[in-house]
Amino acid sequence: MNVPVGLIQFRLLGLVVRPSFNNDNGGTFILIEPGMNGDIVIEEPYFIGARPVTQVEWSAVMGNNPSKFQDGWSAGLRPVESVSWLDCQTFISALNDKETEQRLGLSGVWRLPTADEWEYACRAGTSSRWYHSDKDKDLDEVAWHAGNSGATTREVGQKKENGWGLYDCHGNVSEWTDSEKDGRRITKGGSWLMESESTTSSACGFSKIDKKSDGIGLRLVWAPI
């Protein structure tokens, strides 16, 4: 599938601005172009959520909120969690039924990212342990983790974004992917309850498709077809 050249990127005052769109539930989705980062090769473009799916977004589609951390007026802006991979497939199916319009002149489908798509977008062209640094002392700049989360998830988008405009890739909640290893689905990013090494760009978790955890949520991909 080829994205029209005019959609790949355009320059404004010398800065590369990535095409993006907002969906009906308040999510922002950013174009990721084909390319290579180390051993990861991406051959087709896709749009990925700038933030994990929030409790508000999940509730708008599903009519319920399974999350553990619902206390406080701003809880709706925290990532949805306590959702299994199977729950995510139900959510995505409902979203595909609900949102059928074209985006930027293209048709597409909602799905989870592969582990490679997730890591490629998280790294944003970097090769460091986290997208901004190799140093543990710098982790607080980009992540909610065991050392600073207060034993809970936090509202999305509060930490430093990566070079492509993505937030919360490190920490807050681990994120389901569509990739599988040894019968388990790969999760990426680490969570609010994990130590630093489990939140790096390359770190992976492995969970059964029916597992529900207050440390696992999701980030959506919209793939042109």
N, C-alpha and C. Protein backbone atom coordinates (compact mmCIF):
# COMPACT_ATOMS: atom_id res chain seq x y z
N MET A 1 0.86 -1.18 0.00
CA MET A 1 0.00 0.00 0.00
C MET A 1 0.89 1.22 0.00
N ASN A 2 0.64 2.16 -0.90
CA ASN A 2 1.44 3.37 -1.00
C ASN A 2 0.65 4.57 -0.51
N VAL A 3 1.22 5.30 0.45
CA VAL A 3 0.62 6.55 0.89
C VAL A 3 1.04 7.62 -0.10
N PRO A 4 0.12 8.49 -0.56
CA PRO A 4 0.50 9.56 -1.47
C PRO A 4 1.65 10.36 -0.92
N VAL A 5 2.57 10.73 -1.83
CA VAL A 5 3.78 11.44 -1.41
C VAL A 5 3.47 12.66 -0.58
N GLY A 6 2.42 13.36 -0.94
CA GLY A 6 2.07 14.58 -0.21
C GLY A 6 1.70 14.36 1.23
N LEU A 7 1.40 13.10 1.59
CA LEU A 7 1.03 12.81 2.97
C LEU A 7 2.22 12.38 3.82
N ILE A 8 3.33 12.06 3.20
CA ILE A 8 4.47 11.56 3.97
C ILE A 8 4.99 12.61 4.93
N GLN A 9 5.25 13.79 4.48
CA GLN A 9 5.67 14.85 5.37
C GLN A 9 5.65 16.18 4.62
N PHE A 10 5.55 17.26 5.36
CA PHE A 10 5.71 18.56 4.76
C PHE A 10 6.50 19.42 5.72
N ARG A 11 7.08 20.51 5.23
CA ARG A 11 7.98 21.32 6.04
C ARG A 11 7.35 22.69 6.31
N LEU A 12 7.43 23.09 7.56
CA LEU A 12 6.90 24.37 7.99
C LEU A 12 7.98 25.07 8.79
N LEU A 13 8.47 26.19 8.27
CA LEU A 13 9.56 26.94 8.91
C LEU A 13 10.75 26.04 9.18
N GLY A 14 11.01 25.11 8.24
CA GLY A 14 12.18 24.26 8.37
C GLY A 14 11.99 23.04 9.24
N LEU A 15 10.80 22.85 9.84
CA LEU A 15 10.55 21.72 10.71
C LEU A 15 9.71 20.67 10.00
N VAL A 16 10.04 19.41 10.20
CA VAL A 16 9.23 18.34 9.64
C VAL A 16 7.99 18.14 10.50
N VAL A 17 6.82 18.26 9.90
CA VAL A 17 5.56 18.07 10.60
C VAL A 17 4.93 16.78 10.11
N ARG A 18 4.69 15.84 10.99
CA ARG A 18 4.13 14.56 10.59
C ARG A 18 2.61 14.68 10.44
N PRO A 19 2.07 14.18 9.33
CA PRO A 19 0.61 14.15 9.20
C PRO A 19 -0.02 13.38 10.34
N SER A 20 -1.18 13.82 10.77
CA SER A 20 -1.88 13.15 11.86
C SER A 20 -3.37 13.40 11.70
N PHE A 21 -4.17 12.66 12.45
CA PHE A 21 -5.60 12.93 12.49
C PHE A 21 -6.12 12.61 13.88
N ASN A 22 -7.29 13.16 14.20
CA ASN A 22 -7.98 12.86 15.46
C ASN A 22 -9.20 12.00 15.15
N ASN A 23 -9.48 11.05 16.03
CA ASN A 23 -10.69 10.25 15.81
C ASN A 23 -11.84 10.78 16.67
N ASP A 24 -12.98 10.13 16.59
CA ASP A 24 -14.19 10.63 17.24
C ASP A 24 -14.10 10.62 18.76
N ASN A 25 -13.18 9.83 19.30
CA ASN A 25 -13.10 9.67 20.75
C ASN A 25 -11.96 10.44 21.39
N GLY A 26 -11.34 11.33 20.63
CA GLY A 26 -10.32 12.20 21.19
C GLY A 26 -8.89 11.73 21.04
N GLY A 27 -8.68 10.61 20.35
CA GLY A 27 -7.32 10.14 20.12
C GLY A 27 -6.65 10.87 18.97
N THR A 28 -5.33 11.02 19.05
CA THR A 28 -4.53 11.60 17.98
C THR A 28 -3.61 10.51 17.42
N PHE A 29 -3.53 10.41 16.10
CA PHE A 29 -2.80 9.34 15.45
C PHE A 29 -1.80 9.93 14.46
N ILE A 30 -0.56 9.49 14.58
CA ILE A 30 0.56 10.11 13.89
C ILE A 30 1.13 9.15 12.86
N LEU A 31 1.44 9.66 11.68
CA LEU A 31 1.98 8.85 10.60
C LEU A 31 3.40 8.39 10.91
N ILE A 32 3.62 7.09 10.78
CA ILE A 32 4.95 6.50 10.89
C ILE A 32 5.32 5.96 9.52
N GLU A 33 6.39 6.46 8.97
CA GLU A 33 6.81 6.08 7.63
C GLU A 33 7.63 4.80 7.63
N PRO A 34 7.66 4.08 6.51
CA PRO A 34 8.55 2.92 6.41
C PRO A 34 10.00 3.31 6.64
N GLY A 35 10.76 2.37 7.16
CA GLY A 35 12.17 2.66 7.41
C GLY A 35 12.82 1.53 8.19
N MET A 36 14.02 1.80 8.70
CA MET A 36 14.80 0.79 9.41
C MET A 36 15.40 1.41 10.66
N ASN A 37 15.41 0.63 11.75
CA ASN A 37 16.10 1.02 12.97
C ASN A 37 16.76 -0.23 13.53
N GLY A 38 18.06 -0.35 13.37
CA GLY A 38 18.74 -1.56 13.78
C GLY A 38 18.21 -2.75 13.01
N ASP A 39 17.74 -3.78 13.73
CA ASP A 39 17.20 -4.98 13.09
C ASP A 39 15.73 -4.85 12.73
N ILE A 40 15.11 -3.75 13.10
CA ILE A 40 13.68 -3.57 12.82
C ILE A 40 13.51 -2.92 11.45
N VAL A 41 12.74 -3.57 10.60
CA VAL A 41 12.45 -3.05 9.27
C VAL A 41 10.94 -2.88 9.14
N ILE A 42 10.51 -1.67 8.83
CA ILE A 42 9.08 -1.36 8.63
C ILE A 42 8.87 -1.09 7.15
N GLU A 43 8.01 -1.89 6.53
CA GLU A 43 7.83 -1.81 5.09
C GLU A 43 6.58 -1.05 4.66
N GLU A 44 5.63 -0.87 5.56
CA GLU A 44 4.39 -0.18 5.22
C GLU A 44 4.11 0.94 6.23
N PRO A 45 3.55 2.06 5.77
CA PRO A 45 3.22 3.14 6.70
C PRO A 45 2.03 2.78 7.58
N TYR A 46 1.96 3.41 8.73
CA TYR A 46 0.83 3.23 9.63
C TYR A 46 0.72 4.47 10.51
N PHE A 47 -0.45 4.65 11.09
CA PHE A 47 -0.67 5.72 12.05
C PHE A 47 -0.79 5.10 13.43
N ILE A 48 -0.08 5.65 14.42
CA ILE A 48 -0.12 5.10 15.76
C ILE A 48 -0.58 6.15 16.75
N GLY A 49 -1.27 5.72 17.79
CA GLY A 49 -1.77 6.65 18.79
C GLY A 49 -0.65 7.44 19.46
N ALA A 50 -0.85 8.73 19.59
CA ALA A 50 0.13 9.55 20.29
C ALA A 50 0.18 9.20 21.77
N ARG A 51 -0.91 8.64 22.28
CA ARG A 51 -1.01 8.25 23.69
C ARG A 51 -1.70 6.89 23.79
N PRO A 52 -1.54 6.20 24.91
CA PRO A 52 -2.32 4.98 25.12
C PRO A 52 -3.82 5.30 25.14
N VAL A 53 -4.63 4.31 24.85
CA VAL A 53 -6.09 4.47 24.93
C VAL A 53 -6.46 4.79 26.38
N THR A 54 -7.26 5.84 26.56
CA THR A 54 -7.65 6.27 27.89
C THR A 54 -8.95 5.61 28.33
N GLN A 55 -9.26 5.77 29.61
CA GLN A 55 -10.51 5.24 30.13
C GLN A 55 -11.72 5.89 29.45
N VAL A 56 -11.62 7.17 29.16
CA VAL A 56 -12.71 7.87 28.46
C VAL A 56 -12.92 7.29 27.07
N GLU A 57 -11.83 7.05 26.35
CA GLU A 57 -11.94 6.51 24.99
C GLU A 57 -12.55 5.11 25.01
N TRP A 58 -12.09 4.28 25.94
CA TRP A 58 -12.63 2.93 26.03
C TRP A 58 -14.13 2.97 26.36
N SER A 59 -14.50 3.79 27.33
CA SER A 59 -15.90 3.87 27.75
C SER A 59 -16.80 4.37 26.64
N ALA A 60 -16.30 5.29 25.82
CA ALA A 60 -17.10 5.83 24.72
C ALA A 60 -17.46 4.75 23.71
N VAL A 61 -16.60 3.77 23.53
CA VAL A 61 -16.85 2.70 22.56
C VAL A 61 -17.58 1.53 23.20
N MET A 62 -17.17 1.15 24.42
CA MET A 62 -17.64 -0.09 25.03
C MET A 62 -18.79 0.11 26.02
N GLY A 63 -18.96 1.33 26.50
CA GLY A 63 -20.02 1.59 27.46
C GLY A 63 -19.71 1.12 28.86
N ASN A 64 -18.45 0.77 29.13
CA ASN A 64 -18.03 0.36 30.47
C ASN A 64 -16.57 0.72 30.67
N ASN A 65 -16.13 0.67 31.91
CA ASN A 65 -14.74 0.98 32.24
C ASN A 65 -14.20 -0.09 33.19
N PRO A 66 -13.36 -0.99 32.69
CA PRO A 66 -12.86 -2.09 33.52
C PRO A 66 -11.69 -1.72 34.41
N SER A 67 -11.21 -0.49 34.31
CA SER A 67 -9.95 -0.10 34.96
C SER A 67 -10.03 -0.14 36.48
N LYS A 68 -8.93 -0.45 37.11
CA LYS A 68 -8.82 -0.43 38.57
C LYS A 68 -8.70 0.99 39.09
N PHE A 69 -7.93 1.80 38.39
CA PHE A 69 -7.61 3.14 38.90
C PHE A 69 -8.59 4.18 38.35
N GLN A 70 -9.78 4.25 38.97
CA GLN A 70 -10.83 5.15 38.50
C GLN A 70 -11.09 6.31 39.45
N ASP A 71 -10.36 6.41 40.53
CA ASP A 71 -10.62 7.46 41.51
C ASP A 71 -10.11 8.81 41.02
N GLY A 72 -10.85 9.87 41.37
CA GLY A 72 -10.42 11.22 41.05
C GLY A 72 -11.09 11.76 39.81
N TRP A 73 -11.20 13.07 39.74
CA TRP A 73 -11.92 13.72 38.64
C TRP A 73 -11.22 13.52 37.30
N SER A 74 -9.91 13.31 37.30
CA SER A 74 -9.18 13.18 36.04
C SER A 74 -8.89 11.73 35.67
N ALA A 75 -9.52 10.77 36.35
CA ALA A 75 -9.23 9.36 36.09
C ALA A 75 -9.52 8.97 34.65
N GLY A 76 -10.48 9.62 34.02
CA GLY A 76 -10.80 9.30 32.63
C GLY A 76 -9.66 9.52 31.67
N LEU A 77 -8.70 10.36 32.09
CA LEU A 77 -7.54 10.63 31.25
C LEU A 77 -6.38 9.70 31.55
N ARG A 78 -6.57 8.79 32.48
CA ARG A 78 -5.56 7.76 32.71
C ARG A 78 -5.74 6.66 31.67
N PRO A 79 -4.69 5.89 31.41
CA PRO A 79 -4.85 4.80 30.44
C PRO A 79 -5.82 3.74 30.94
N VAL A 80 -6.61 3.19 30.05
CA VAL A 80 -7.43 2.05 30.42
C VAL A 80 -6.50 0.89 30.73
N GLU A 81 -6.85 0.08 31.73
CA GLU A 81 -6.07 -1.10 32.08
C GLU A 81 -7.03 -2.19 32.55
N SER A 82 -6.47 -3.30 32.98
CA SER A 82 -7.28 -4.47 33.34
C SER A 82 -8.09 -4.97 32.15
N VAL A 83 -7.47 -4.87 30.96
CA VAL A 83 -8.09 -5.39 29.74
C VAL A 83 -7.18 -6.46 29.16
N SER A 84 -7.76 -7.60 28.81
CA SER A 84 -6.99 -8.67 28.20
C SER A 84 -6.77 -8.38 26.72
N TRP A 85 -5.91 -9.17 26.09
CA TRP A 85 -5.73 -9.06 24.65
C TRP A 85 -7.06 -9.35 23.94
N LEU A 86 -7.81 -10.31 24.46
CA LEU A 86 -9.12 -10.62 23.88
C LEU A 86 -10.08 -9.45 24.02
N ASP A 87 -10.07 -8.78 25.16
CA ASP A 87 -10.89 -7.58 25.35
C ASP A 87 -10.52 -6.52 24.32
N CYS A 88 -9.24 -6.38 24.06
CA CYS A 88 -8.78 -5.38 23.09
C CYS A 88 -9.31 -5.70 21.69
N GLN A 89 -9.38 -6.98 21.34
CA GLN A 89 -9.92 -7.35 20.03
C GLN A 89 -11.40 -7.00 19.92
N THR A 90 -12.14 -7.16 21.01
CA THR A 90 -13.56 -6.77 21.02
C THR A 90 -13.70 -5.26 20.86
N PHE A 91 -12.87 -4.52 21.57
CA PHE A 91 -12.85 -3.06 21.47
C PHE A 91 -12.53 -2.62 20.04
N ILE A 92 -11.51 -3.22 19.45
CA ILE A 92 -11.09 -2.83 18.10
C ILE A 92 -12.17 -3.18 17.07
N SER A 93 -12.81 -4.32 17.24
CA SER A 93 -13.90 -4.70 16.33
C SER A 93 -15.03 -3.69 16.40
N ALA A 94 -15.40 -3.27 17.61
CA ALA A 94 -16.44 -2.26 17.78
C ALA A 94 -16.03 -0.93 17.17
N LEU A 95 -14.75 -0.58 17.32
CA LEU A 95 -14.25 0.67 16.75
C LEU A 95 -14.28 0.63 15.23
N ASN A 96 -13.92 -0.49 14.64
CA ASN A 96 -13.97 -0.62 13.18
C ASN A 96 -15.40 -0.55 12.66
N ASP A 97 -16.35 -1.06 13.43
CA ASP A 97 -17.76 -0.96 13.03
C ASP A 97 -18.27 0.47 13.14
N LYS A 98 -17.76 1.19 14.13
CA LYS A 98 -18.25 2.53 14.43
C LYS A 98 -17.63 3.59 13.53
N GLU A 99 -16.34 3.47 13.28
CA GLU A 99 -15.60 4.51 12.55
C GLU A 99 -15.17 3.94 11.20
N THR A 100 -15.90 4.25 10.18
CA THR A 100 -15.64 3.69 8.85
C THR A 100 -15.20 4.73 7.83
N GLU A 101 -15.11 6.00 8.25
CA GLU A 101 -14.77 7.04 7.30
C GLU A 101 -13.30 7.00 6.91
N GLN A 102 -12.98 7.63 5.78
CA GLN A 102 -11.60 7.73 5.35
C GLN A 102 -10.84 8.72 6.23
N ARG A 103 -9.53 8.55 6.29
CA ARG A 103 -8.63 9.46 7.01
C ARG A 103 -7.61 9.99 6.03
N LEU A 104 -7.54 11.31 5.90
CA LEU A 104 -6.59 11.94 4.98
C LEU A 104 -6.71 11.35 3.57
N GLY A 105 -7.95 11.03 3.18
CA GLY A 105 -8.21 10.50 1.86
C GLY A 105 -7.93 9.02 1.70
N LEU A 106 -7.67 8.32 2.81
CA LEU A 106 -7.33 6.91 2.76
C LEU A 106 -8.34 6.08 3.54
N SER A 107 -8.54 4.84 3.11
CA SER A 107 -9.31 3.87 3.88
C SER A 107 -8.35 3.06 4.74
N GLY A 108 -8.86 2.54 5.87
CA GLY A 108 -7.97 1.80 6.75
C GLY A 108 -8.73 1.04 7.81
N VAL A 109 -7.98 0.34 8.67
CA VAL A 109 -8.57 -0.44 9.76
C VAL A 109 -7.81 -0.17 11.05
N TRP A 110 -8.54 -0.29 12.16
CA TRP A 110 -7.93 -0.22 13.48
C TRP A 110 -7.39 -1.59 13.87
N ARG A 111 -6.27 -1.59 14.59
CA ARG A 111 -5.69 -2.82 15.10
C ARG A 111 -4.64 -2.47 16.15
N LEU A 112 -4.09 -3.50 16.78
CA LEU A 112 -2.93 -3.30 17.65
C LEU A 112 -1.66 -3.23 16.81
N PRO A 113 -0.63 -2.56 17.29
CA PRO A 113 0.65 -2.60 16.58
C PRO A 113 1.33 -3.95 16.76
N THR A 114 2.20 -4.30 15.83
CA THR A 114 3.12 -5.40 16.08
C THR A 114 4.18 -4.91 17.07
N ALA A 115 4.92 -5.84 17.65
CA ALA A 115 5.99 -5.43 18.56
C ALA A 115 7.02 -4.59 17.85
N ASP A 116 7.34 -4.92 16.60
CA ASP A 116 8.31 -4.12 15.84
C ASP A 116 7.76 -2.74 15.53
N GLU A 117 6.49 -2.65 15.14
CA GLU A 117 5.90 -1.33 14.87
C GLU A 117 5.91 -0.47 16.13
N TRP A 118 5.58 -1.09 17.25
CA TRP A 118 5.58 -0.35 18.52
C TRP A 118 6.96 0.18 18.84
N GLU A 119 7.96 -0.68 18.79
CA GLU A 119 9.32 -0.26 19.16
C GLU A 119 9.89 0.75 18.18
N TYR A 120 9.62 0.56 16.90
CA TYR A 120 10.10 1.51 15.88
C TYR A 120 9.54 2.90 16.14
N ALA A 121 8.23 2.97 16.44
CA ALA A 121 7.61 4.27 16.71
C ALA A 121 8.10 4.85 18.02
N CYS A 122 8.29 4.01 19.03
CA CYS A 122 8.79 4.47 20.32
C CYS A 122 10.19 5.07 20.17
N ARG A 123 11.07 4.39 19.47
CA ARG A 123 12.45 4.85 19.34
C ARG A 123 12.55 6.16 18.57
N ALA A 124 11.70 6.34 17.58
CA ALA A 124 11.70 7.58 16.79
C ALA A 124 13.09 7.90 16.25
N GLY A 125 13.74 6.88 15.73
CA GLY A 125 15.06 7.07 15.13
C GLY A 125 16.24 6.97 16.08
N THR A 126 15.98 6.71 17.36
CA THR A 126 17.06 6.64 18.34
C THR A 126 17.51 5.19 18.54
N SER A 127 18.66 5.03 19.20
CA SER A 127 19.16 3.70 19.54
C SER A 127 19.49 3.60 21.03
N SER A 128 19.10 4.58 21.81
CA SER A 128 19.37 4.60 23.25
C SER A 128 18.37 3.72 24.00
N ARG A 129 18.63 3.48 25.29
CA ARG A 129 17.77 2.59 26.09
C ARG A 129 16.34 3.10 26.14
N TRP A 130 16.17 4.38 26.38
CA TRP A 130 14.88 5.05 26.27
C TRP A 130 14.98 6.04 25.12
N TYR A 131 13.87 6.56 24.64
CA TYR A 131 13.95 7.37 23.43
C TYR A 131 14.69 8.68 23.60
N HIS A 132 15.01 9.04 24.84
CA HIS A 132 15.69 10.31 25.07
C HIS A 132 17.06 10.17 25.72
N SER A 133 17.41 8.97 26.23
CA SER A 133 18.61 8.87 27.06
C SER A 133 18.98 7.41 27.32
N ASP A 134 20.25 7.21 27.69
CA ASP A 134 20.73 5.91 28.17
C ASP A 134 20.85 5.88 29.69
N LYS A 135 20.56 6.99 30.36
CA LYS A 135 20.85 7.11 31.78
C LYS A 135 19.61 6.91 32.64
N ASP A 136 19.75 6.05 33.67
CA ASP A 136 18.64 5.81 34.59
C ASP A 136 18.14 7.08 35.24
N LYS A 137 19.04 8.00 35.53
CA LYS A 137 18.65 9.23 36.23
C LYS A 137 17.72 10.10 35.40
N ASP A 138 17.66 9.86 34.09
CA ASP A 138 16.82 10.66 33.21
C ASP A 138 15.44 10.05 32.99
N LEU A 139 15.19 8.87 33.56
CA LEU A 139 13.94 8.16 33.27
C LEU A 139 12.70 8.94 33.68
N ASP A 140 12.78 9.66 34.79
CA ASP A 140 11.61 10.41 35.27
C ASP A 140 11.09 11.41 34.24
N GLU A 141 11.94 11.82 33.31
CA GLU A 141 11.52 12.81 32.30
C GLU A 141 10.47 12.24 31.35
N VAL A 142 10.48 10.92 31.16
CA VAL A 142 9.61 10.34 30.14
C VAL A 142 8.65 9.28 30.66
N ALA A 143 8.80 8.83 31.91
CA ALA A 143 8.04 7.65 32.34
C ALA A 143 7.50 7.75 33.75
N TRP A 144 6.32 7.15 33.94
CA TRP A 144 5.81 6.81 35.26
C TRP A 144 6.19 5.37 35.53
N HIS A 145 6.97 5.14 36.56
CA HIS A 145 7.51 3.81 36.83
C HIS A 145 7.47 3.57 38.33
N ALA A 146 8.04 2.44 38.79
CA ALA A 146 7.94 2.07 40.20
C ALA A 146 8.52 3.13 41.13
N GLY A 147 9.49 3.88 40.64
CA GLY A 147 10.14 4.87 41.49
C GLY A 147 9.44 6.20 41.63
N ASN A 148 8.43 6.47 40.78
CA ASN A 148 7.80 7.80 40.86
C ASN A 148 6.29 7.80 40.66
N SER A 149 5.68 6.64 40.43
CA SER A 149 4.26 6.62 40.06
C SER A 149 3.32 6.77 41.24
N GLY A 150 3.81 6.48 42.45
CA GLY A 150 2.92 6.46 43.60
C GLY A 150 1.99 5.26 43.59
N ALA A 151 2.44 4.16 42.98
CA ALA A 151 1.70 2.90 42.93
C ALA A 151 0.35 3.03 42.24
N THR A 152 0.31 3.78 41.15
CA THR A 152 -0.92 3.95 40.39
C THR A 152 -0.57 4.40 38.98
N THR A 153 -1.53 4.27 38.05
CA THR A 153 -1.35 4.90 36.75
C THR A 153 -1.49 6.40 36.89
N ARG A 154 -1.08 7.12 35.87
CA ARG A 154 -1.19 8.58 35.84
C ARG A 154 -1.83 9.03 34.54
N GLU A 155 -2.34 10.26 34.54
CA GLU A 155 -2.95 10.81 33.34
C GLU A 155 -1.94 10.80 32.19
N VAL A 156 -2.40 10.45 31.01
CA VAL A 156 -1.51 10.34 29.86
C VAL A 156 -1.02 11.72 29.42
N GLY A 157 0.14 11.73 28.76
CA GLY A 157 0.63 12.95 28.14
C GLY A 157 1.31 13.94 29.05
N GLN A 158 1.68 13.55 30.26
CA GLN A 158 2.31 14.48 31.19
C GLN A 158 3.83 14.52 31.06
N LYS A 159 4.40 13.47 30.53
CA LYS A 159 5.85 13.38 30.41
C LYS A 159 6.33 13.83 29.04
N LYS A 160 7.63 13.91 28.89
CA LYS A 160 8.25 14.39 27.65
C LYS A 160 7.94 13.46 26.49
N GLU A 161 7.50 14.02 25.37
CA GLU A 161 7.20 13.24 24.18
C GLU A 161 8.49 12.84 23.45
N ASN A 162 8.36 11.82 22.57
CA ASN A 162 9.53 11.49 21.76
C ASN A 162 9.60 12.36 20.52
N GLY A 163 10.58 12.11 19.67
CA GLY A 163 10.80 12.98 18.52
C GLY A 163 9.72 12.95 17.48
N TRP A 164 8.83 11.95 17.56
CA TRP A 164 7.74 11.85 16.61
C TRP A 164 6.39 12.18 17.23
N GLY A 165 6.41 12.68 18.46
CA GLY A 165 5.18 13.16 19.08
C GLY A 165 4.41 12.14 19.88
N LEU A 166 5.05 11.04 20.30
CA LEU A 166 4.39 10.00 21.10
C LEU A 166 4.71 10.18 22.58
N TYR A 167 3.71 9.93 23.42
CA TYR A 167 3.84 10.04 24.87
C TYR A 167 3.65 8.67 25.53
N ASP A 168 4.19 8.53 26.72
CA ASP A 168 3.93 7.37 27.58
C ASP A 168 4.33 6.04 26.94
N CYS A 169 5.32 6.06 26.06
CA CYS A 169 5.83 4.79 25.55
C CYS A 169 6.56 4.02 26.64
N HIS A 170 7.17 4.74 27.57
CA HIS A 170 7.88 4.12 28.68
C HIS A 170 7.03 4.27 29.95
N GLY A 171 6.74 3.14 30.60
CA GLY A 171 6.01 3.20 31.85
C GLY A 171 4.53 3.48 31.69
N ASN A 172 3.89 3.82 32.79
CA ASN A 172 2.45 4.04 32.93
C ASN A 172 1.71 2.71 32.78
N VAL A 173 1.46 2.25 31.56
CA VAL A 173 0.98 0.88 31.38
C VAL A 173 1.78 0.20 30.27
N SER A 174 2.04 -1.09 30.45
CA SER A 174 2.54 -1.90 29.34
C SER A 174 1.43 -1.98 28.29
N GLU A 175 1.82 -2.21 27.04
CA GLU A 175 0.84 -2.16 25.96
C GLU A 175 0.84 -3.45 25.16
N TRP A 176 -0.36 -4.00 24.98
CA TRP A 176 -0.51 -5.20 24.17
C TRP A 176 -0.06 -4.97 22.73
N THR A 177 0.51 -5.99 22.12
CA THR A 177 0.79 -5.96 20.68
C THR A 177 0.16 -7.19 20.04
N ASP A 178 0.20 -7.23 18.72
CA ASP A 178 -0.32 -8.38 17.99
C ASP A 178 0.75 -9.44 17.75
N SER A 179 1.95 -9.23 18.28
CA SER A 179 3.03 -10.20 18.09
C SER A 179 2.99 -11.27 19.17
N GLU A 180 3.47 -12.45 18.80
CA GLU A 180 3.36 -13.61 19.67
C GLU A 180 4.71 -14.32 19.78
N LYS A 181 4.99 -14.87 20.93
CA LYS A 181 6.17 -15.70 21.14
C LYS A 181 5.83 -16.80 22.13
N ASP A 182 6.08 -18.03 21.74
CA ASP A 182 5.84 -19.19 22.60
C ASP A 182 4.42 -19.21 23.15
N GLY A 183 3.45 -18.85 22.29
CA GLY A 183 2.05 -18.92 22.68
C GLY A 183 1.55 -17.77 23.52
N ARG A 184 2.38 -16.78 23.75
CA ARG A 184 1.98 -15.61 24.53
C ARG A 184 2.14 -14.34 23.69
N ARG A 185 1.31 -13.35 23.98
CA ARG A 185 1.40 -12.08 23.27
C ARG A 185 2.46 -11.20 23.93
N ILE A 186 3.16 -10.47 23.08
CA ILE A 186 4.21 -9.57 23.56
C ILE A 186 3.59 -8.26 24.01
N THR A 187 4.01 -7.78 25.17
CA THR A 187 3.66 -6.44 25.63
C THR A 187 4.92 -5.58 25.64
N LYS A 188 4.74 -4.29 25.46
CA LYS A 188 5.89 -3.38 25.34
C LYS A 188 5.72 -2.17 26.25
N GLY A 189 6.84 -1.63 26.69
CA GLY A 189 6.86 -0.33 27.35
C GLY A 189 7.00 -0.35 28.86
N GLY A 190 6.69 -1.47 29.51
CA GLY A 190 6.74 -1.48 30.97
C GLY A 190 5.60 -0.66 31.57
N SER A 191 5.51 -0.62 32.89
CA SER A 191 4.36 0.02 33.53
C SER A 191 4.74 0.74 34.81
N TRP A 192 3.70 1.28 35.46
CA TRP A 192 3.86 2.03 36.69
C TRP A 192 4.48 1.22 37.83
N LEU A 193 4.42 -0.11 37.75
CA LEU A 193 4.92 -0.94 38.85
C LEU A 193 6.29 -1.55 38.55
N MET A 194 6.89 -1.19 37.43
CA MET A 194 8.14 -1.82 37.00
C MET A 194 9.35 -0.93 37.23
N GLU A 195 10.50 -1.59 37.41
CA GLU A 195 11.76 -0.88 37.55
C GLU A 195 12.27 -0.46 36.17
N SER A 196 13.33 0.33 36.17
CA SER A 196 13.77 1.02 34.96
C SER A 196 14.04 0.09 33.78
N GLU A 197 14.75 -1.03 34.00
CA GLU A 197 15.15 -1.87 32.88
C GLU A 197 13.95 -2.47 32.14
N SER A 198 12.83 -2.61 32.83
CA SER A 198 11.64 -3.18 32.20
C SER A 198 10.85 -2.15 31.40
N THR A 199 11.31 -0.90 31.39
CA THR A 199 10.60 0.15 30.65
C THR A 199 11.37 0.64 29.43
N THR A 200 12.50 0.00 29.08
CA THR A 200 13.30 0.45 27.95
C THR A 200 12.58 0.19 26.63
N SER A 201 13.10 0.79 25.56
CA SER A 201 12.49 0.63 24.24
C SER A 201 12.48 -0.83 23.79
N SER A 202 13.51 -1.57 24.15
CA SER A 202 13.63 -2.94 23.69
C SER A 202 12.98 -3.97 24.60
N ALA A 203 12.62 -3.59 25.82
CA ALA A 203 12.08 -4.54 26.79
C ALA A 203 10.75 -5.13 26.32
N CYS A 204 10.53 -6.40 26.63
CA CYS A 204 9.30 -7.08 26.26
C CYS A 204 8.73 -7.84 27.46
N GLY A 205 7.42 -7.90 27.54
CA GLY A 205 6.73 -8.79 28.45
C GLY A 205 5.98 -9.83 27.63
N PHE A 206 5.53 -10.90 28.28
CA PHE A 206 4.83 -11.97 27.58
C PHE A 206 3.64 -12.40 28.44
N SER A 207 2.45 -12.34 27.87
CA SER A 207 1.24 -12.65 28.63
C SER A 207 0.26 -13.46 27.80
N LYS A 208 -0.51 -14.31 28.47
CA LYS A 208 -1.57 -15.05 27.81
C LYS A 208 -2.66 -14.08 27.36
N ILE A 209 -3.39 -14.48 26.32
CA ILE A 209 -4.35 -13.56 25.71
C ILE A 209 -5.51 -13.21 26.62
N ASP A 210 -5.75 -14.02 27.65
CA ASP A 210 -6.86 -13.73 28.57
C ASP A 210 -6.40 -13.06 29.86
N LYS A 211 -5.13 -12.71 29.97
CA LYS A 211 -4.64 -12.08 31.19
C LYS A 211 -5.17 -10.66 31.31
N LYS A 212 -5.59 -10.30 32.52
CA LYS A 212 -5.99 -8.93 32.82
C LYS A 212 -5.12 -8.42 33.96
N SER A 213 -4.55 -7.25 33.79
CA SER A 213 -3.64 -6.69 34.78
C SER A 213 -3.82 -5.19 34.84
N ASP A 214 -3.72 -4.63 36.06
CA ASP A 214 -3.81 -3.17 36.17
C ASP A 214 -2.55 -2.48 35.67
N GLY A 215 -1.62 -3.28 35.15
CA GLY A 215 -0.42 -2.70 34.54
C GLY A 215 -0.35 -2.87 33.04
N ILE A 216 -1.44 -3.34 32.40
CA ILE A 216 -1.44 -3.55 30.95
C ILE A 216 -2.62 -2.85 30.31
N GLY A 217 -2.35 -2.07 29.27
CA GLY A 217 -3.36 -1.40 28.47
C GLY A 217 -3.05 -1.58 26.99
N LEU A 218 -3.34 -0.56 26.20
CA LEU A 218 -3.11 -0.68 24.76
C LEU A 218 -2.92 0.68 24.11
N ARG A 219 -2.30 0.64 22.94
CA ARG A 219 -2.16 1.80 22.06
C ARG A 219 -2.62 1.34 20.68
N LEU A 220 -3.40 2.13 20.01
CA LEU A 220 -3.99 1.73 18.74
C LEU A 220 -3.12 2.09 17.55
N VAL A 221 -3.28 1.30 16.51
CA VAL A 221 -2.76 1.62 15.18
C VAL A 221 -3.93 1.70 14.22
N TRP A 222 -3.85 2.67 13.30
CA TRP A 222 -4.77 2.72 12.16
C TRP A 222 -3.93 2.49 10.93
N ALA A 223 -4.21 1.41 10.21
CA ALA A 223 -3.38 1.01 9.07
C ALA A 223 -4.11 1.24 7.76
N PRO A 224 -3.56 2.06 6.87
CA PRO A 224 -4.18 2.24 5.55
C PRO A 224 -4.21 0.93 4.79
N ILE A 225 -5.27 0.74 3.99
CA ILE A 225 -5.42 -0.46 3.18
C ILE A 225 -5.65 -0.09 1.73
